[in-house]
Amino acid sequence: MSSEQINWSRMSLEELQTTWNTEVEPALQRGGVDLDERPTYQEVADAGYGGIAYALREHHELTLTEFLETVGYVEPDSDESYQWGIDDEITIDALEAFLRRIENKRAESTARSKRYRLATYVRLYERIHATASIVDRVRDADNQYDELRRVEAVLYELDDELESPESKLRYLSDIRQFYRHIETRHAGAFNPTENVDHGEIWEQQIPDSRDNPALSSEQVATLYTAIESPDEQLLVLGLCAWGLRRSEVASLHVSQLVLEGEDPHIAFEERKNGPGTVALIYGVSELADRIDVLGSDNREWNGYLFPSRKSSSGHVTGETIQARFKRVADRADVRVRGERPTSKTGRRYWYTTYNQAMTDLLENLDVIAGEQGSSDASVVLKNYLSEAERRKYRREFMRERLAKAFEVEP
C-alpha cells in the first residue's frame, strides 16, 4: 500500500501501530534511516508518511514521540526514570506494579499505551483535587461516596480534552483496570469506578460523523433476516446485539457464558475497552441451542462457539468473522455510505443504540427528579436507585431499542 492510500484518520491506535510496523518501518529502512535510533518527524515526513502525526494528534491525543514509545522507540533507561508528574510515591508504586503485570501478559507496546493514559489521569486528578494520594483514599471505606464524585470530576475534565469516543472508552477501561489492581493488590476497600457509567459521563459515544459510520436498526434487521446458518445468526448477534469485537466473537467459549438467572451475560477476564461482562439481552436461546448442537454433534468439541480444527487456537480468527459478516451484508444488499459494512459498523450500532437507550431512560426519570427537587435526572439514577435497579432499567430500555432490529424472523 502506498502512503497516499493510507487513511490515517480512520485508524485505531492498534491499527496505526500495525501499519507502522508493516508499512512505515520497512519504507524508512529502504530509505536509509537508521532504525536503531528513534526516527524524527522530518524523516517520517520525507518518506511520505507525515499524515500519521496529524492523526495521532487529532484523534488519539498523542505526539509522534509518544506514539513511537508504544512501538518500541524508548530512550535508554526511560522505564526506570519515567516521570509520572505526581507527588505521591505510594500511587506511583501501584502504577508501576500494575504496568509490570500488564507487561507480563501483553505486548510491551500495550503497557506503554496504558502508561501514557494513566499518567494523564493521575496528573489531572492531582490538578483538580490538589492531591494524588489515590491509593490511600481507596483504602479508607469512608471515602467511597466522595471518591466516586472525585473520579467523575476527572472524567468530565477528560471529556473536554479528548475528541474521539474510542479514546474516551480506552481511558475509562484503563482507569477501571488500575482501580481493580489497587483493590486486589494494594488493600483497596472499594473500586470507585465500579458504578461509573460511560453513557452518563460522556453523552455522545459514537457521533454521526464520517469517521464513525454505524448501521441503522433497519439495516441490522435486514442483515438478521438474511442469515442462512446458526453461525451467521450468532455473529450478527455478537457484533450488533452484544457489541463485541470480531476477535471476541471468534474466540467465544462456553465457559464465558452465564445463561441462567435474571442476568444472563458473557464474562471476560479482561477486555481492551469496556466492562468485564456483557449483558445478553437478545440471543440467549440461540446461544443455548448452538451449545446443544455443538456438544451433541461432536464429542471432542473444544467449547468454542466458532471452532476450527485448522487453527492452533482452536477457534476461527477475527478476519474469518469479518469475511462472514461481509458475506451476509452482500446477500442482504446492505451498504453504509455506499460501502460494505464491517464488524466495526455493527459494534458502533450497539454503542449508538446504548446511548439512545440511556437518553430514553433519563427522560423517563425526569418526573422523579422533579419530585426530588432536582433538575438533573442523572442524580436520581446515581443516588436513588440501587445498582440492581439501574441494571434492570438499562436492560429494559436497551431491549426496547434492540427490539426494532432483532424482533424479526431470521
Protein backbone atom coordinates (compact mmCIF):
# COMPACT_ATOMS: atom_id res chain seq x y z
CA MET A 1 0.00 0.00 0.00
CA SER A 2 1.40 3.42 -0.94
CA SER A 3 1.50 6.24 1.59
CA GLU A 4 -1.14 8.15 -0.43
CA GLN A 5 -3.64 5.31 0.02
CA ILE A 6 -3.43 5.23 3.81
CA ASN A 7 -6.38 6.87 5.59
CA TRP A 8 -4.67 7.65 8.89
CA SER A 9 -7.66 9.36 10.48
CA ARG A 10 -9.85 6.24 10.30
CA MET A 11 -7.35 4.01 12.09
CA SER A 12 -7.47 2.95 15.74
CA LEU A 13 -4.26 3.22 17.74
CA GLU A 14 -3.72 -0.52 17.34
CA GLU A 15 -4.15 -0.23 13.57
CA LEU A 16 -1.67 2.66 13.47
CA GLN A 17 0.84 0.55 15.40
CA THR A 18 0.39 -2.34 12.96
CA THR A 19 0.73 -0.03 9.94
CA TRP A 20 3.87 1.47 11.44
CA ASN A 21 5.44 -1.99 11.83
CA THR A 22 4.35 -3.38 8.46
CA GLU A 23 4.46 -0.30 6.21
CA VAL A 24 6.35 2.65 7.65
CA GLU A 25 9.38 0.98 9.24
CA PRO A 26 10.27 -1.04 6.09
CA ALA A 27 9.95 2.13 3.98
CA LEU A 28 12.21 4.07 6.36
CA GLN A 29 14.74 1.27 6.30
CA ARG A 30 14.73 1.19 2.49
CA GLY A 31 15.32 4.94 2.55
CA GLY A 32 18.45 4.53 4.65
CA VAL A 33 17.06 5.64 8.02
CA ASP A 34 18.91 4.07 10.97
CA LEU A 35 16.14 2.40 12.99
CA ASP A 36 18.46 1.80 15.93
CA GLU A 37 17.59 5.39 16.80
CA ARG A 38 14.12 6.88 17.10
CA PRO A 39 13.08 8.35 13.71
CA THR A 40 12.49 12.09 13.58
CA TYR A 41 9.32 13.68 12.27
CA GLN A 42 11.26 15.02 9.29
CA GLU A 43 12.50 11.52 8.38
CA VAL A 44 8.95 10.17 8.60
CA ALA A 45 7.57 13.06 6.53
CA ASP A 46 10.32 12.75 3.91
CA ALA A 47 9.36 9.10 3.46
CA GLY A 48 5.79 10.20 2.67
CA TYR A 49 4.15 9.26 5.98
CA GLY A 50 3.79 12.66 7.64
CA GLY A 51 -0.01 12.21 7.86
CA ILE A 52 0.39 9.90 10.82
CA ALA A 53 1.43 12.80 13.08
CA TYR A 54 -1.78 14.73 12.37
CA ALA A 55 -3.94 11.65 13.01
CA LEU A 56 -2.16 10.92 16.28
CA ARG A 57 -2.60 14.50 17.48
CA GLU A 58 -6.22 14.95 16.39
CA HIS A 59 -7.68 11.50 17.07
CA HIS A 60 -5.50 9.89 19.76
CA GLU A 61 -4.09 12.82 21.77
CA LEU A 62 -0.54 11.60 21.16
CA THR A 63 2.56 13.28 19.79
CA LEU A 64 4.68 11.32 17.31
CA THR A 65 7.31 10.86 20.02
CA GLU A 66 4.77 9.44 22.45
CA PHE A 67 3.43 7.13 19.75
CA LEU A 68 6.92 5.90 18.89
CA GLU A 69 7.35 4.85 22.52
CA THR A 70 4.38 2.48 22.07
CA VAL A 71 6.12 0.73 19.15
CA GLY A 72 9.47 0.26 20.83
CA TYR A 73 11.41 3.52 20.45
CA VAL A 74 12.09 4.25 24.11
CA GLU A 75 15.01 6.33 25.28
CA PRO A 76 17.62 4.44 27.35
CA ASP A 77 16.53 3.89 30.95
CA SER A 78 13.18 5.59 30.22
CA ASP A 79 11.18 2.87 32.02
CA GLU A 80 13.19 3.33 35.21
CA SER A 81 13.26 7.13 35.01
CA TYR A 82 9.71 7.70 33.80
CA GLN A 83 8.30 10.87 35.31
CA TRP A 84 4.69 10.33 36.36
CA GLY A 85 4.32 14.00 37.17
CA ILE A 86 2.64 13.48 40.55
CA ASP A 87 3.86 13.80 44.12
CA ASP A 88 2.72 10.56 45.76
CA GLU A 89 5.15 7.64 45.95
CA ILE A 90 2.52 5.10 47.05
CA THR A 91 0.40 5.77 43.97
CA ILE A 92 3.48 5.70 41.73
CA ASP A 93 4.49 2.32 43.17
CA ALA A 94 0.98 0.98 42.48
CA LEU A 95 1.06 2.31 38.92
CA GLU A 96 4.41 0.68 38.19
CA ALA A 97 3.34 -2.63 39.76
CA PHE A 98 0.18 -2.61 37.63
CA LEU A 99 2.15 -1.99 34.44
CA ARG A 100 4.63 -4.75 35.26
CA ARG A 101 1.70 -7.17 35.44
CA ILE A 102 0.42 -5.89 32.07
CA GLU A 103 3.87 -6.34 30.51
CA ASN A 104 3.95 -9.95 31.68
CA LYS A 105 0.61 -10.67 29.98
CA ARG A 106 0.66 -8.49 26.88
CA ALA A 107 2.94 -6.80 24.38
CA GLU A 108 5.24 -4.13 25.75
CA SER A 109 3.66 -1.55 23.46
CA THR A 110 0.28 -2.13 25.14
CA ALA A 111 1.79 -1.36 28.54
CA ARG A 112 3.32 1.86 27.22
CA SER A 113 -0.05 2.99 25.82
CA LYS A 114 -1.68 2.33 29.18
CA ARG A 115 1.12 4.16 30.99
CA TYR A 116 0.51 7.28 28.91
CA ARG A 117 -3.25 7.24 29.58
CA LEU A 118 -2.86 6.54 33.30
CA ALA A 119 -0.26 9.30 33.63
CA THR A 120 -2.71 11.71 32.04
CA TYR A 121 -5.39 10.59 34.51
CA VAL A 122 -3.33 10.82 37.71
CA ARG A 123 -1.86 14.20 36.74
CA LEU A 124 -5.33 15.54 36.05
CA TYR A 125 -6.58 14.04 39.33
CA GLU A 126 -3.84 15.88 41.23
CA ARG A 127 -4.53 19.14 39.39
CA ILE A 128 -8.25 19.03 40.20
CA HIS A 129 -8.08 17.70 43.76
CA ALA A 130 -4.69 19.08 44.89
CA THR A 131 -3.50 15.58 45.81
CA ALA A 132 -2.57 12.34 44.06
CA SER A 133 -2.97 10.06 47.09
CA ILE A 134 -5.30 7.79 45.09
CA VAL A 135 -4.25 4.53 46.76
CA ASP A 136 -4.57 5.87 50.31
CA ARG A 137 -8.02 7.26 49.59
CA VAL A 138 -9.47 3.99 48.28
CA ARG A 139 -8.01 2.10 51.25
CA ASP A 140 -10.42 4.00 53.52
CA ALA A 141 -14.00 2.78 53.07
CA ASP A 142 -15.33 6.07 54.49
CA ASN A 143 -14.18 7.80 51.29
CA GLN A 144 -16.30 5.66 48.97
CA TYR A 145 -19.08 8.13 48.16
CA ASP A 146 -16.73 11.11 47.94
CA GLU A 147 -14.22 9.25 45.77
CA LEU A 148 -16.84 8.37 43.16
CA ARG A 149 -17.53 12.09 42.76
CA ARG A 150 -13.79 12.80 42.53
CA VAL A 151 -13.32 10.25 39.75
CA GLU A 152 -16.31 11.60 37.87
CA ALA A 153 -14.89 15.13 38.11
CA VAL A 154 -11.69 13.95 36.41
CA LEU A 155 -13.67 12.14 33.69
CA TYR A 156 -15.73 15.25 32.99
CA GLU A 157 -12.47 17.15 32.57
CA LEU A 158 -11.14 14.45 30.24
CA ASP A 159 -14.33 14.78 28.20
CA ASP A 160 -13.27 18.31 27.27
CA GLU A 161 -9.76 17.20 26.30
CA LEU A 162 -10.48 14.03 24.31
CA GLU A 163 -12.20 14.10 20.94
CA SER A 164 -12.88 10.55 19.79
CA PRO A 165 -15.33 8.22 21.58
CA GLU A 166 -12.86 5.37 21.19
CA SER A 167 -10.20 7.32 23.11
CA LYS A 168 -12.66 8.05 25.92
CA LEU A 169 -13.54 4.39 26.28
CA ARG A 170 -9.86 3.37 26.26
CA TYR A 171 -9.15 5.82 29.07
CA LEU A 172 -12.11 4.61 31.12
CA SER A 173 -11.12 0.96 30.60
CA ASP A 174 -7.51 1.56 31.74
CA ILE A 175 -8.64 3.60 34.75
CA ARG A 176 -11.04 0.84 35.78
CA GLN A 177 -8.32 -1.79 35.46
CA PHE A 178 -5.95 0.26 37.59
CA TYR A 179 -8.51 0.68 40.38
CA ARG A 180 -9.21 -3.07 40.26
CA HIS A 181 -5.48 -3.60 40.70
CA ILE A 182 -5.47 -1.32 43.77
CA GLU A 183 -8.44 -3.20 45.17
CA THR A 184 -6.92 -6.67 44.73
CA ARG A 185 -3.20 -5.97 45.19
CA HIS A 186 -2.92 -2.89 47.42
CA ALA A 187 -5.65 -3.46 50.03
CA GLY A 188 -8.20 -1.18 48.40
CA ALA A 189 -11.52 -1.16 50.26
CA PHE A 190 -13.61 -0.32 47.17
CA ASN A 191 -13.43 0.49 43.47
CA PRO A 192 -14.79 4.00 42.78
CA THR A 193 -15.13 3.28 39.04
CA GLU A 194 -17.41 0.28 39.55
CA ASN A 195 -20.61 2.31 39.20
CA VAL A 196 -19.30 4.88 36.74
CA ASP A 197 -21.39 4.55 33.60
CA HIS A 198 -19.70 5.95 30.49
CA GLY A 199 -23.13 6.63 28.97
CA GLU A 200 -23.81 9.04 31.82
CA ILE A 201 -20.39 10.71 31.82
CA TRP A 202 -19.97 11.02 28.06
CA GLU A 203 -23.33 11.52 26.40
CA GLN A 204 -22.31 11.09 22.76
CA GLN A 205 -20.35 7.87 22.50
CA ILE A 206 -20.48 7.37 18.72
CA PRO A 207 -21.29 10.60 16.90
CA ASP A 208 -22.86 10.52 13.48
CA SER A 209 -19.72 11.59 11.64
CA ARG A 210 -17.93 10.37 8.56
CA ASP A 211 -15.18 8.82 10.69
CA ASN A 212 -17.62 6.70 12.68
CA PRO A 213 -20.36 5.22 10.46
CA ALA A 214 -22.81 2.84 12.14
CA LEU A 215 -25.51 0.52 10.93
CA SER A 216 -29.10 1.64 11.49
CA SER A 217 -31.74 -0.52 13.21
CA GLU A 218 -33.40 -1.10 9.86
CA GLN A 219 -30.12 -2.28 8.31
CA VAL A 220 -29.43 -4.64 11.20
CA ALA A 221 -32.93 -6.06 10.79
CA THR A 222 -32.22 -6.62 7.09
CA LEU A 223 -28.97 -8.40 7.94
CA TYR A 224 -30.70 -10.55 10.54
CA THR A 225 -33.34 -11.71 8.09
CA ALA A 226 -30.63 -12.62 5.54
CA ILE A 227 -28.76 -15.13 7.71
CA GLU A 228 -28.63 -18.71 6.48
CA SER A 229 -26.99 -20.62 9.33
CA PRO A 230 -26.69 -20.67 13.14
CA ASP A 231 -23.11 -19.42 12.82
CA GLU A 232 -24.24 -16.36 10.86
CA GLN A 233 -27.01 -15.74 13.36
CA LEU A 234 -24.55 -15.73 16.28
CA LEU A 235 -22.03 -13.48 14.57
CA VAL A 236 -24.71 -10.86 13.77
CA LEU A 237 -25.94 -11.08 17.36
CA GLY A 238 -22.40 -10.91 18.71
CA LEU A 239 -21.42 -7.82 16.77
CA CYS A 240 -24.69 -5.89 16.79
CA ALA A 241 -26.73 -7.05 19.82
CA TRP A 242 -23.83 -7.60 22.23
CA GLY A 243 -21.33 -5.04 20.90
CA LEU A 244 -18.38 -7.44 20.77
CA ARG A 245 -15.21 -7.04 18.74
CA ARG A 246 -14.77 -9.51 15.91
CA SER A 247 -11.88 -11.16 17.79
CA GLU A 248 -14.12 -11.58 20.83
CA VAL A 249 -16.83 -13.19 18.70
CA ALA A 250 -14.26 -15.50 17.11
CA SER A 251 -12.92 -16.68 20.48
CA LEU A 252 -16.22 -17.01 22.38
CA HIS A 253 -16.05 -20.06 24.65
CA VAL A 254 -18.82 -21.85 26.50
CA SER A 255 -17.00 -21.21 29.81
CA GLN A 256 -17.66 -17.47 29.38
CA LEU A 257 -21.43 -17.83 29.15
CA VAL A 258 -23.83 -17.37 32.05
CA LEU A 259 -27.25 -18.12 30.59
CA GLU A 260 -29.28 -18.92 33.71
CA GLY A 261 -30.89 -16.47 36.12
CA GLU A 262 -32.14 -12.92 35.71
CA ASP A 263 -28.85 -11.51 34.41
CA PRO A 264 -27.56 -13.65 31.51
CA HIS A 265 -24.18 -12.38 30.33
CA ILE A 266 -20.80 -13.09 28.79
CA ALA A 267 -17.88 -12.88 31.21
CA PHE A 268 -14.46 -11.58 30.17
CA GLU A 269 -11.42 -11.78 32.41
CA GLU A 270 -10.05 -8.69 30.70
CA ARG A 271 -11.04 -6.52 27.76
CA LYS A 272 -9.29 -3.66 25.98
CA ASN A 273 -12.30 -1.33 26.44
CA GLY A 274 -15.44 -1.61 28.45
CA PRO A 275 -16.73 -3.82 31.25
CA GLY A 276 -15.75 -7.34 32.27
CA THR A 277 -19.22 -8.63 31.46
CA VAL A 278 -21.54 -8.09 28.52
CA ALA A 279 -25.30 -8.36 29.03
CA LEU A 280 -27.18 -10.82 26.85
CA ILE A 281 -30.44 -9.01 26.16
CA TYR A 282 -31.08 -10.93 22.96
CA GLY A 283 -29.82 -14.30 21.82
CA VAL A 284 -29.87 -16.41 24.97
CA SER A 285 -32.00 -19.16 23.46
CA GLU A 286 -29.93 -19.08 20.26
CA LEU A 287 -26.76 -19.50 22.30
CA ALA A 288 -28.22 -22.38 24.29
CA ASP A 289 -29.39 -24.11 21.10
CA ARG A 290 -25.98 -23.69 19.47
CA ILE A 291 -24.21 -25.16 22.50
CA ASP A 292 -26.55 -28.16 22.47
CA VAL A 293 -25.89 -28.80 18.78
CA LEU A 294 -22.11 -28.42 19.03
CA GLY A 295 -21.98 -30.66 22.09
CA SER A 296 -24.18 -33.39 20.64
CA ASP A 297 -22.63 -33.45 17.16
CA ASN A 298 -19.04 -33.75 18.29
CA ARG A 299 -17.88 -35.47 21.48
CA GLU A 300 -14.46 -33.83 21.05
CA TRP A 301 -15.88 -30.31 20.86
CA ASN A 302 -13.40 -27.87 22.44
CA GLY A 303 -16.04 -25.46 23.77
CA TYR A 304 -15.54 -22.65 21.24
CA LEU A 305 -18.71 -21.40 19.56
CA PHE A 306 -16.78 -20.88 16.33
CA PRO A 307 -14.39 -23.87 16.44
CA SER A 308 -11.67 -24.51 13.89
CA ARG A 309 -9.58 -27.66 13.51
CA LYS A 310 -7.07 -25.87 11.30
CA SER A 311 -6.21 -23.17 13.83
CA SER A 312 -3.78 -23.78 16.69
CA SER A 313 -6.00 -21.61 18.89
CA GLY A 314 -8.95 -23.97 18.37
CA HIS A 315 -11.22 -21.24 17.01
CA VAL A 316 -11.60 -19.12 13.88
CA THR A 317 -9.87 -15.77 13.54
CA GLY A 318 -11.36 -12.30 13.69
CA GLU A 319 -10.66 -11.97 9.97
CA THR A 320 -12.89 -15.00 9.35
CA ILE A 321 -15.70 -13.36 11.33
CA GLN A 322 -15.19 -10.20 9.29
CA ALA A 323 -15.40 -12.12 6.00
CA ARG A 324 -18.56 -13.97 7.06
CA PHE A 325 -20.20 -10.72 8.18
CA LYS A 326 -19.44 -9.12 4.83
CA ARG A 327 -20.97 -12.11 3.03
CA VAL A 328 -24.19 -11.64 4.98
CA ALA A 329 -24.13 -7.93 4.13
CA ASP A 330 -23.66 -8.71 0.43
CA ARG A 331 -26.54 -11.17 0.49
CA ALA A 332 -28.74 -8.60 2.24
CA ASP A 333 -27.54 -5.81 -0.09
CA VAL A 334 -26.79 -3.55 2.89
CA ARG A 335 -24.40 -0.63 2.45
CA VAL A 336 -23.23 2.09 4.83
CA ARG A 337 -22.43 5.31 2.98
CA GLY A 338 -22.01 3.30 -0.18
CA GLU A 339 -19.57 0.76 1.27
CA ARG A 340 -19.93 -2.77 2.60
CA PRO A 341 -20.42 -2.70 6.38
CA THR A 342 -17.69 -4.19 8.54
CA SER A 343 -17.69 -5.67 12.02
CA LYS A 344 -16.91 -2.20 13.39
CA THR A 345 -20.08 -0.71 11.95
CA GLY A 346 -22.02 -3.44 13.73
CA ARG A 347 -20.27 -2.70 17.01
CA ARG A 348 -20.91 1.01 16.57
CA TYR A 349 -24.59 0.24 16.10
CA TRP A 350 -24.54 -1.22 19.62
CA TYR A 351 -22.91 1.93 21.07
CA THR A 352 -25.33 4.23 19.27
CA THR A 353 -28.29 2.16 20.48
CA TYR A 354 -26.97 2.12 24.04
CA ASN A 355 -26.61 5.89 24.02
CA GLN A 356 -30.19 6.26 22.75
CA ALA A 357 -31.45 3.86 25.42
CA MET A 358 -29.72 5.85 28.17
CA THR A 359 -31.29 9.05 26.82
CA ASP A 360 -34.73 7.39 26.92
CA LEU A 361 -34.11 6.24 30.49
CA LEU A 362 -33.07 9.68 31.73
CA GLU A 363 -36.08 11.29 30.06
CA ASN A 364 -38.36 8.88 31.93
CA LEU A 365 -36.67 9.73 35.23
CA ASP A 366 -37.35 13.44 34.81
CA VAL A 367 -40.65 13.14 36.70
CA ILE A 368 -38.96 11.52 39.71
CA ALA A 369 -36.19 14.11 39.58
CA GLY A 370 -38.78 16.88 39.73
CA GLU A 371 -40.40 15.32 42.79
CA GLN A 372 -36.96 15.19 44.46
CA GLY A 373 -36.42 18.86 43.66
CA SER A 374 -33.66 18.17 41.14
CA SER A 375 -33.41 19.36 37.55
CA ASP A 376 -30.98 16.55 36.66
CA ALA A 377 -32.42 13.06 36.11
CA SER A 378 -28.92 11.54 36.30
CA VAL A 379 -28.90 12.43 40.03
CA VAL A 380 -31.85 10.07 40.53
CA LEU A 381 -30.13 7.36 38.53
CA LYS A 382 -26.95 7.58 40.59
CA ASN A 383 -28.19 8.41 44.07
CA TYR A 384 -31.70 7.00 44.48
CA LEU A 385 -31.54 3.71 42.60
CA SER A 386 -29.55 0.66 43.63
CA GLU A 387 -27.08 -0.92 41.20
CA ALA A 388 -29.56 -3.77 40.63
CA GLU A 389 -32.29 -1.26 39.78
CA ARG A 390 -30.00 0.69 37.46
CA ARG A 391 -29.03 -2.52 35.67
CA LYS A 392 -32.68 -3.57 35.37
CA TYR A 393 -33.75 -0.26 33.86
CA ARG A 394 -30.78 -0.11 31.50
CA ARG A 395 -31.61 -3.60 30.22
CA GLU A 396 -35.28 -2.75 29.76
CA PHE A 397 -34.61 0.39 27.74
CA MET A 398 -31.86 -1.29 25.74
CA ARG A 399 -34.15 -4.24 25.00
CA GLU A 400 -36.81 -1.86 23.72
CA ARG A 401 -34.31 -0.28 21.33
CA LEU A 402 -32.84 -3.59 20.15
CA ALA A 403 -36.33 -4.95 19.51
CA LYS A 404 -36.53 -2.79 16.37
CA ALA A 405 -33.77 -4.86 14.82
CA PHE A 406 -33.96 -8.29 16.41
CA GLU A 407 -37.66 -8.98 16.95
CA VAL A 408 -37.90 -10.20 13.38
CA GLU A 409 -37.95 -13.69 11.96
CA PRO A 410 -34.46 -14.55 10.70
